[in-house]
PDB file of N, CA and C in Angstrom:
ATOM      1  N   MET A   1      21.941   8.439   3.080  1.00  0.00           N
ATOM      2  CA  MET A   1      20.986   7.367   2.814  1.00  0.00           C
ATOM      3  C   MET A   1      19.742   7.518   3.692  1.00  0.00           C
ATOM      4  N   LYS A   2      19.912   8.048   4.878  1.00  0.00           N
ATOM      5  CA  LYS A   2      18.791   8.192   5.799  1.00  0.00           C
ATOM      6  C   LYS A   2      17.692   9.074   5.209  1.00  0.00           C
ATOM      7  N   GLY A   3      18.083  10.167   4.573  1.00  0.00           N
ATOM      8  CA  GLY A   3      17.113  11.070   3.977  1.00  0.00           C
ATOM      9  C   GLY A   3      16.339  10.435   2.841  1.00  0.00           C
ATOM     10  N   ALA A   4      17.001   9.577   2.070  1.00  0.00           N
ATOM     11  CA  ALA A   4      16.352   8.935   0.925  1.00  0.00           C
ATOM     12  C   ALA A   4      15.253   7.983   1.384  1.00  0.00           C
ATOM     13  N   VAL A   5      15.496   7.279   2.466  1.00  0.00           N
ATOM     14  CA  VAL A   5      14.497   6.331   2.981  1.00  0.00           C
ATOM     15  C   VAL A   5      13.279   7.096   3.500  1.00  0.00           C
ATOM     16  N   GLU A   6      13.519   8.174   4.203  1.00  0.00           N
ATOM     17  CA  GLU A   6      12.415   8.966   4.732  1.00  0.00           C
ATOM     18  C   GLU A   6      11.631   9.629   3.604  1.00  0.00           C
ATOM     19  N   GLU A   7      12.345  10.079   2.587  1.00  0.00           N
ATOM     20  CA  GLU A   7      11.684  10.691   1.429  1.00  0.00           C
ATOM     21  C   GLU A   7      10.835   9.657   0.692  1.00  0.00           C
ATOM     22  N   ARG A   8      11.373   8.450   0.548  1.00  0.00           N
ATOM     23  CA  ARG A   8      10.627   7.374  -0.120  1.00  0.00           C
ATOM     24  C   ARG A   8       9.368   7.032   0.670  1.00  0.00           C
ATOM     25  N   ALA A   9       9.460   7.002   1.991  1.00  0.00           N
ATOM     26  CA  ALA A   9       8.296   6.709   2.824  1.00  0.00           C
ATOM     27  C   ALA A   9       7.211   7.766   2.613  1.00  0.00           C
ATOM     28  N   THR A  10       7.625   9.018   2.522  1.00  0.00           N
ATOM     29  CA  THR A  10       6.668  10.104   2.281  1.00  0.00           C
ATOM     30  C   THR A  10       6.047   9.983   0.897  1.00  0.00           C
ATOM     31  N   GLN A  11       6.854   9.675  -0.102  1.00  0.00           N
ATOM     32  CA  GLN A  11       6.335   9.521  -1.464  1.00  0.00           C
ATOM     33  C   GLN A  11       5.343   8.357  -1.538  1.00  0.00           C
ATOM     34  N   LEU A  12       5.676   7.261  -0.877  1.00  0.00           N
ATOM     35  CA  LEU A  12       4.762   6.115  -0.860  1.00  0.00           C
ATOM     36  C   LEU A  12       3.442   6.474  -0.187  1.00  0.00           C
ATOM     37  N   GLY A  13       3.537   7.168   0.924  1.00  0.00           N
ATOM     38  CA  GLY A  13       2.331   7.587   1.633  1.00  0.00           C
ATOM     39  C   GLY A  13       1.459   8.485   0.787  1.00  0.00           C
ATOM     40  N   GLU A  14       2.080   9.441   0.102  1.00  0.00           N
ATOM     41  CA  GLU A  14       1.319  10.346  -0.762  1.00  0.00           C
ATOM     42  C   GLU A  14       0.681   9.592  -1.922  1.00  0.00           C
ATOM     43  N   TYR A  15       1.419   8.642  -2.503  1.00  0.00           N
ATOM     44  CA  TYR A  15       0.884   7.853  -3.619  1.00  0.00           C
ATOM     45  C   TYR A  15      -0.330   7.036  -3.161  1.00  0.00           C
ATOM     46  N   ILE A  16      -0.198   6.368  -2.025  1.00  0.00           N
ATOM     47  CA  ILE A  16      -1.298   5.550  -1.512  1.00  0.00           C
ATOM     48  C   ILE A  16      -2.512   6.428  -1.204  1.00  0.00           C
ATOM     49  N   LEU A  17      -2.256   7.595  -0.639  1.00  0.00           N
ATOM     50  CA  LEU A  17      -3.344   8.503  -0.288  1.00  0.00           C
ATOM     51  C   LEU A  17      -4.054   9.040  -1.533  1.00  0.00           C
ATOM     52  N   GLU A  18      -3.304   9.480  -2.525  1.00  0.00           N
ATOM     53  CA  GLU A  18      -3.892  10.066  -3.736  1.00  0.00           C
ATOM     54  C   GLU A  18      -4.659   9.047  -4.560  1.00  0.00           C
ATOM     55  N   ASN A  19      -4.127   7.826  -4.645  1.00  0.00           N
ATOM     56  CA  ASN A  19      -4.718   6.813  -5.515  1.00  0.00           C
ATOM     57  C   ASN A  19      -5.545   5.762  -4.776  1.00  0.00           C
ATOM     58  N   LYS A  20      -5.595   5.878  -3.448  1.00  0.00           N
ATOM     59  CA  LYS A  20      -6.239   4.858  -2.624  1.00  0.00           C
ATOM     60  C   LYS A  20      -5.695   3.481  -3.002  1.00  0.00           C
ATOM     61  N   ALA A  21      -4.392   3.431  -3.168  1.00  0.00           N
ATOM     62  CA  ALA A  21      -3.704   2.242  -3.664  1.00  0.00           C
ATOM     63  C   ALA A  21      -3.474   1.215  -2.564  1.00  0.00           C
ATOM     64  N   THR A  22      -3.324  -0.020  -2.981  1.00  0.00           N
ATOM     65  CA  THR A  22      -2.945  -1.089  -2.070  1.00  0.00           C
ATOM     66  C   THR A  22      -1.425  -1.110  -1.932  1.00  0.00           C
ATOM     67  N   VAL A  23      -0.944  -1.860  -0.956  1.00  0.00           N
ATOM     68  CA  VAL A  23       0.501  -2.013  -0.774  1.00  0.00           C
ATOM     69  C   VAL A  23       1.094  -2.652  -2.026  1.00  0.00           C
ATOM     70  N   ARG A  24       0.394  -3.617  -2.573  1.00  0.00           N
ATOM     71  CA  ARG A  24       0.878  -4.305  -3.779  1.00  0.00           C
ATOM     72  C   ARG A  24       0.991  -3.343  -4.966  1.00  0.00           C
ATOM     73  N   ALA A  25      -0.003  -2.482  -5.141  1.00  0.00           N
ATOM     74  CA  ALA A  25       0.030  -1.520  -6.248  1.00  0.00           C
ATOM     75  C   ALA A  25       1.161  -0.508  -6.063  1.00  0.00           C
ATOM     76  N   ALA A  26       1.370  -0.060  -4.835  1.00  0.00           N
ATOM     77  CA  ALA A  26       2.451   0.881  -4.566  1.00  0.00           C
ATOM     78  C   ALA A  26       3.810   0.230  -4.813  1.00  0.00           C
ATOM     79  N   ALA A  27       3.947  -1.023  -4.414  1.00  0.00           N
ATOM     80  CA  ALA A  27       5.203  -1.745  -4.627  1.00  0.00           C
ATOM     81  C   ALA A  27       5.498  -1.877  -6.119  1.00  0.00           C
ATOM     82  N   LYS A  28       4.482  -2.168  -6.882  1.00  0.00           N
ATOM     83  CA  LYS A  28       4.656  -2.307  -8.329  1.00  0.00           C
ATOM     84  C   LYS A  28       5.037  -0.971  -8.966  1.00  0.00           C
ATOM     85  N   LYS A  29       4.393   0.108  -8.538  1.00  0.00           N
ATOM     86  CA  LYS A  29       4.656   1.441  -9.088  1.00  0.00           C
ATOM     87  C   LYS A  29       6.084   1.901  -8.797  1.00  0.00           C
ATOM     88  N   PHE A  30       6.572   1.645  -7.576  1.00  0.00           N
ATOM     89  CA  PHE A  30       7.888   2.118  -7.172  1.00  0.00           C
ATOM     90  C   PHE A  30       8.992   1.078  -7.379  1.00  0.00           C
ATOM     91  N   HIS A  31       8.626  -0.093  -7.903  1.00  0.00           N
ATOM     92  CA  HIS A  31       9.587  -1.167  -8.182  1.00  0.00           C
ATOM     93  C   HIS A  31      10.361  -1.582  -6.932  1.00  0.00           C
ATOM     94  N   ILE A  32       9.622  -1.777  -5.832  1.00  0.00           N
ATOM     95  CA  ILE A  32      10.208  -2.278  -4.601  1.00  0.00           C
ATOM     96  C   ILE A  32       9.297  -3.366  -4.057  1.00  0.00           C
ATOM     97  N   SER A  33       9.763  -4.074  -3.031  1.00  0.00           N
ATOM     98  CA  SER A  33       8.977  -5.188  -2.505  1.00  0.00           C
ATOM     99  C   SER A  33       7.818  -4.692  -1.645  1.00  0.00           C
ATOM    100  N   LYS A  34       6.820  -5.565  -1.488  1.00  0.00           N
ATOM    101  CA  LYS A  34       5.682  -5.241  -0.633  1.00  0.00           C
ATOM    102  C   LYS A  34       6.144  -5.062   0.808  1.00  0.00           C
ATOM    103  N   SER A  35       7.123  -5.829   1.218  1.00  0.00           N
ATOM    104  CA  SER A  35       7.653  -5.718   2.582  1.00  0.00           C
ATOM    105  C   SER A  35       8.254  -4.343   2.823  1.00  0.00           C
ATOM    106  N   THR A  36       8.958  -3.825   1.833  1.00  0.00           N
ATOM    107  CA  THR A  36       9.562  -2.503   1.959  1.00  0.00           C
ATOM    108  C   THR A  36       8.487  -1.426   2.044  1.00  0.00           C
ATOM    109  N   VAL A  37       7.461  -1.539   1.217  1.00  0.00           N
ATOM    110  CA  VAL A  37       6.370  -0.572   1.258  1.00  0.00           C
ATOM    111  C   VAL A  37       5.708  -0.600   2.630  1.00  0.00           C
ATOM    112  N   HIS A  38       5.421  -1.792   3.106  1.00  0.00           N
ATOM    113  CA  HIS A  38       4.753  -1.927   4.394  1.00  0.00           C
ATOM    114  C   HIS A  38       5.619  -1.343   5.509  1.00  0.00           C
ATOM    115  N   LYS A  39       6.909  -1.638   5.497  1.00  0.00           N
ATOM    116  CA  LYS A  39       7.830  -1.103   6.514  1.00  0.00           C
ATOM    117  C   LYS A  39       7.865   0.425   6.447  1.00  0.00           C
ATOM    118  N   ASP A  40       7.926   0.966   5.246  1.00  0.00           N
ATOM    119  CA  ASP A  40       7.991   2.424   5.077  1.00  0.00           C
ATOM    120  C   ASP A  40       6.733   3.108   5.586  1.00  0.00           C
ATOM    121  N   VAL A  41       5.559   2.615   5.194  1.00  0.00           N
ATOM    122  CA  VAL A  41       4.326   3.318   5.559  1.00  0.00           C
ATOM    123  C   VAL A  41       3.836   2.963   6.965  1.00  0.00           C
ATOM    124  N   SER A  42       4.291   1.851   7.521  1.00  0.00           N
ATOM    125  CA  SER A  42       3.857   1.479   8.864  1.00  0.00           C
ATOM    126  C   SER A  42       4.773   2.019   9.948  1.00  0.00           C
ATOM    127  N   ASP A  43       6.064   1.947   9.728  1.00  0.00           N
ATOM    128  CA  ASP A  43       7.019   2.343  10.766  1.00  0.00           C
ATOM    129  C   ASP A  43       7.645   3.700  10.494  1.00  0.00           C
ATOM    130  N   ARG A  44       8.294   3.823   9.370  1.00  0.00           N
ATOM    131  CA  ARG A  44       9.057   5.038   9.091  1.00  0.00           C
ATOM    132  C   ARG A  44       8.179   6.267   8.925  1.00  0.00           C
ATOM    133  N   LEU A  45       7.068   6.114   8.237  1.00  0.00           N
ATOM    134  CA  LEU A  45       6.186   7.261   7.987  1.00  0.00           C
ATOM    135  C   LEU A  45       5.594   7.809   9.289  1.00  0.00           C
ATOM    136  N   GLN A  46       5.399   6.942  10.244  1.00  0.00           N
ATOM    137  CA  GLN A  46       4.827   7.377  11.522  1.00  0.00           C
ATOM    138  C   GLN A  46       5.743   8.379  12.232  1.00  0.00           C
ATOM    139  N   THR A  47       7.050   8.210  12.112  1.00  0.00           N
ATOM    140  CA  THR A  47       7.981   9.144  12.752  1.00  0.00           C
ATOM    141  C   THR A  47       8.254  10.358  11.880  1.00  0.00           C
ATOM    142  N   VAL A  48       8.225  10.174  10.562  1.00  0.00           N
ATOM    143  CA  VAL A  48       8.542  11.270   9.638  1.00  0.00           C
ATOM    144  C   VAL A  48       7.381  12.252   9.520  1.00  0.00           C
ATOM    145  N   ASN A  49       6.157  11.717   9.294  1.00  0.00           N
ATOM    146  CA  ASN A  49       4.990  12.565   9.058  1.00  0.00           C
ATOM    147  C   ASN A  49       3.752  11.905   9.700  1.00  0.00           C
ATOM    148  N   PRO A  50       3.515  12.151  10.978  1.00  0.00           N
ATOM    149  CA  PRO A  50       2.398  11.488  11.673  1.00  0.00           C
ATOM    150  C   PRO A  50       1.025  11.767  11.060  1.00  0.00           C
ATOM    151  N   GLN A  51       0.806  12.961  10.539  1.00  0.00           N
ATOM    152  CA  GLN A  51      -0.486  13.296   9.921  1.00  0.00           C
ATOM    153  C   GLN A  51      -0.732  12.440   8.684  1.00  0.00           C
ATOM    154  N   LEU A  52       0.260  12.356   7.811  1.00  0.00           N
ATOM    155  CA  LEU A  52       0.148  11.534   6.600  1.00  0.00           C
ATOM    156  C   LEU A  52      -0.016  10.070   6.985  1.00  0.00           C
ATOM    157  N   TYR A  53       0.718   9.635   8.007  1.00  0.00           N
ATOM    158  CA  TYR A  53       0.625   8.254   8.465  1.00  0.00           C
ATOM    159  C   TYR A  53      -0.813   7.886   8.838  1.00  0.00           C
ATOM    160  N   SER A  54      -1.477   8.757   9.599  1.00  0.00           N
ATOM    161  CA  SER A  54      -2.834   8.437  10.032  1.00  0.00           C
ATOM    162  C   SER A  54      -3.801   8.353   8.854  1.00  0.00           C
ATOM    163  N   GLU A  55      -3.619   9.190   7.855  1.00  0.00           N
ATOM    164  CA  GLU A  55      -4.481   9.144   6.669  1.00  0.00           C
ATOM    165  C   GLU A  55      -4.221   7.880   5.847  1.00  0.00           C
ATOM    166  N   VAL A  56      -2.952   7.534   5.698  1.00  0.00           N
ATOM    167  CA  VAL A  56      -2.587   6.326   4.944  1.00  0.00           C
ATOM    168  C   VAL A  56      -3.065   5.089   5.694  1.00  0.00           C
ATOM    169  N   ARG A  57      -2.954   5.094   7.011  1.00  0.00           N
ATOM    170  CA  ARG A  57      -3.386   3.969   7.834  1.00  0.00           C
ATOM    171  C   ARG A  57      -4.868   3.673   7.613  1.00  0.00           C
ATOM    172  N   GLN A  58      -5.686   4.712   7.479  1.00  0.00           N
ATOM    173  CA  GLN A  58      -7.120   4.521   7.237  1.00  0.00           C
ATOM    174  C   GLN A  58      -7.353   3.799   5.911  1.00  0.00           C
ATOM    175  N   ILE A  59      -6.623   4.207   4.884  1.00  0.00           N
ATOM    176  CA  ILE A  59      -6.766   3.568   3.568  1.00  0.00           C
ATOM    177  C   ILE A  59      -6.314   2.116   3.627  1.00  0.00           C
ATOM    178  N   LEU A  60      -5.190   1.859   4.284  1.00  0.00           N
ATOM    179  CA  LEU A  60      -4.691   0.486   4.379  1.00  0.00           C
ATOM    180  C   LEU A  60      -5.638  -0.397   5.185  1.00  0.00           C
ATOM    181  N   ASP A  61      -6.287   0.154   6.202  1.00  0.00           N
ATOM    182  CA  ASP A  61      -7.261  -0.619   6.965  1.00  0.00           C
ATOM    183  C   ASP A  61      -8.480  -0.979   6.116  1.00  0.00           C
ATOM    184  N   ILE A  62      -8.910  -0.043   5.282  1.00  0.00           N
ATOM    185  CA  ILE A  62     -10.022  -0.313   4.361  1.00  0.00           C
ATOM    186  C   ILE A  62      -9.620  -1.401   3.372  1.00  0.00           C
ATOM    187  N   ASN A  63      -8.414  -1.287   2.813  1.00  0.00           N
ATOM    188  CA  ASN A  63      -7.933  -2.294   1.863  1.00  0.00           C
ATOM    189  C   ASN A  63      -7.860  -3.665   2.514  1.00  0.00           C
ATOM    190  N   LYS A  64      -7.410  -3.713   3.763  1.00  0.00           N
ATOM    191  CA  LYS A  64      -7.318  -4.986   4.465  1.00  0.00           C
ATOM    192  C   LYS A  64      -8.699  -5.597   4.679  1.00  0.00           C
ATOM    193  N   ALA A  65      -9.674  -4.756   4.990  1.00  0.00           N
ATOM    194  CA  ALA A  65     -11.033  -5.248   5.195  1.00  0.00           C
ATOM    195  C   ALA A  65     -11.647  -5.782   3.901  1.00  0.00           C
ATOM    196  N   GLN A  66     -11.247  -5.225   2.759  1.00  0.00           N
ATOM    197  CA  GLN A  66     -11.808  -5.636   1.472  1.00  0.00           C
ATOM    198  C   GLN A  66     -10.990  -6.724   0.785  1.00  0.00           C
ATOM    199  N   ARG A  67      -9.887  -7.100   1.372  1.00  0.00           N
ATOM    200  CA  ARG A  67      -8.965  -8.043   0.743  1.00  0.00           C
ATOM    201  C   ARG A  67      -9.626  -9.363   0.376  1.00  0.00           C
ATOM    202  N   HIS A  68     -10.420  -9.916   1.264  1.00  0.00           N
ATOM    203  CA  HIS A  68     -11.053 -11.209   0.997  1.00  0.00           C
ATOM    204  C   HIS A  68     -12.055 -11.114  -0.152  1.00  0.00           C
ATOM    205  N   ILE A  69     -12.678  -9.962  -0.318  1.00  0.00           N
ATOM    206  CA  ILE A  69     -13.635  -9.778  -1.414  1.00  0.00           C
ATOM    207  C   ILE A  69     -12.897  -9.762  -2.755  1.00  0.00           C
ATOM    208  N   ARG A  70     -11.792  -9.011  -2.816  1.00  0.00           N
ATOM    209  CA  ARG A  70     -11.011  -8.959  -4.052  1.00  0.00           C
ATOM    210  C   ARG A  70     -10.452 -10.331  -4.425  1.00  0.00           C
ATOM    211  N   GLY A  71     -10.052 -11.099  -3.421  1.00  0.00           N
ATOM    212  CA  GLY A  71      -9.544 -12.450  -3.678  1.00  0.00           C
ATOM    213  C   GLY A  71     -10.616 -13.345  -4.260  1.00  0.00           C
ATOM    214  N   GLY A  72     -11.828 -13.233  -3.741  1.00  0.00           N
ATOM    215  CA  GLY A  72     -12.935 -14.037  -4.260  1.00  0.00           C
ATOM    216  C   GLY A  72     -13.289 -13.664  -5.685  1.00  0.00           C
ATOM    217  N   ILE A  73     -13.238 -12.384  -5.996  1.00  0.00           N
ATOM    218  CA  ILE A  73     -13.528 -11.921  -7.358  1.00  0.00           C
ATOM    219  C   ILE A  73     -12.477 -12.437  -8.324  1.00  0.00           C
ATOM    220  N   ALA A  74     -11.217 -12.387  -7.910  1.00  0.00           N
ATOM    221  CA  ALA A  74     -10.126 -12.872  -8.773  1.00  0.00           C
ATOM    222  C   ALA A  74     -10.257 -14.370  -9.027  1.00  0.00           C
ATOM    223  N   THR A  75     -10.628 -15.121  -8.004  1.00  0.00           N
ATOM    224  CA  THR A  75     -10.805 -16.566  -8.161  1.00  0.00           C
ATOM    225  C   THR A  75     -11.970 -16.856  -9.102  1.00  0.00           C
ATOM    226  N   ARG A  76     -13.039 -16.110  -8.966  1.00  0.00           N
ATOM    227  CA  ARG A  76     -14.200 -16.295  -9.842  1.00  0.00           C
ATOM    228  C   ARG A  76     -13.830 -16.041 -11.299  1.00  0.00           C
ATOM    229  N   ARG A  77     -13.096 -14.956 -11.531  1.00  0.00           N
ATOM    230  CA  ARG A  77     -12.657 -14.655 -12.909  1.00  0.00           C
ATOM    231  C   ARG A  77     -11.790 -15.771 -13.467  1.00  0.00           C
ATOM    232  N   LYS A  78     -10.911 -16.282 -12.643  1.00  0.00           N
ATOM    233  CA  LYS A  78     -10.008 -17.356 -13.067  1.00  0.00           C
ATOM    234  C   LYS A  78     -10.789 -18.564 -13.563  1.00  0.00           C
ATOM    235  N   TYR A  79     -11.796 -18.970 -12.794  1.00  0.00           N
ATOM    236  CA  TYR A  79     -12.540 -20.156 -13.166  1.00  0.00           C
ATOM    237  C   TYR A  79     -13.535 -19.903 -14.282  1.00  0.00           C
ATOM    238  N   LEU A  80     -14.018 -18.692 -14.430  1.00  0.00           N
ATOM    239  CA  LEU A  80     -14.907 -18.385 -15.547  1.00  0.00           C
ATOM    240  C   LEU A  80     -14.138 -18.380 -16.864  1.00  0.00           C
ATOM    241  N   GLN A  81     -12.880 -17.982 -16.837  1.00  0.00           N
ATOM    242  CA  GLN A  81     -12.071 -17.971 -18.059  1.00  0.00           C
ATOM    243  C   GLN A  81     -11.721 -19.382 -18.502  1.00  0.00           C
ATOM    244  N   ASN A  82     -11.637 -20.314 -17.571  1.00  0.00           N
ATOM    245  CA  ASN A  82     -11.258 -21.700 -17.908  1.00  0.00           C
ATOM    246  C   ASN A  82     -12.418 -22.511 -18.449  1.00  0.00           C
ATOM    247  N   GLU A  83     -13.626 -21.982 -18.382  1.00  0.00           N
ATOM    248  CA  GLU A  83     -14.777 -22.751 -18.873  1.00  0.00           C
ATOM    249  C   GLU A  83     -14.985 -22.567 -20.342  1.00  0.00           C
TER     250      GLU A  83
END
C-alpha cells in the first residue's frame, strides 16, 4: 500500500504541473477528496520527489493567489444568470 500512495502523489503532481490544475480539479480528475490531494502534494510528494514538489508548489501558490478572483467571477456569473 505504501508504494501506491507514493505513486499517486507523483501522478497528482505531474497532473497539476502539466495542466496547471487546481487542487479541486485534480481531486475531480482522480476521484479523491481535496484533502487527499493536498496531503499528497504537500507532504508526501516532498519526500518522494523534491524537484516535482517545488514545481507543483509554485503552481499551487499561484492558484491560491488567484483564488479570490475566480470566486468573484463565479459569483458574478451566478447573479447575471438570475436576472
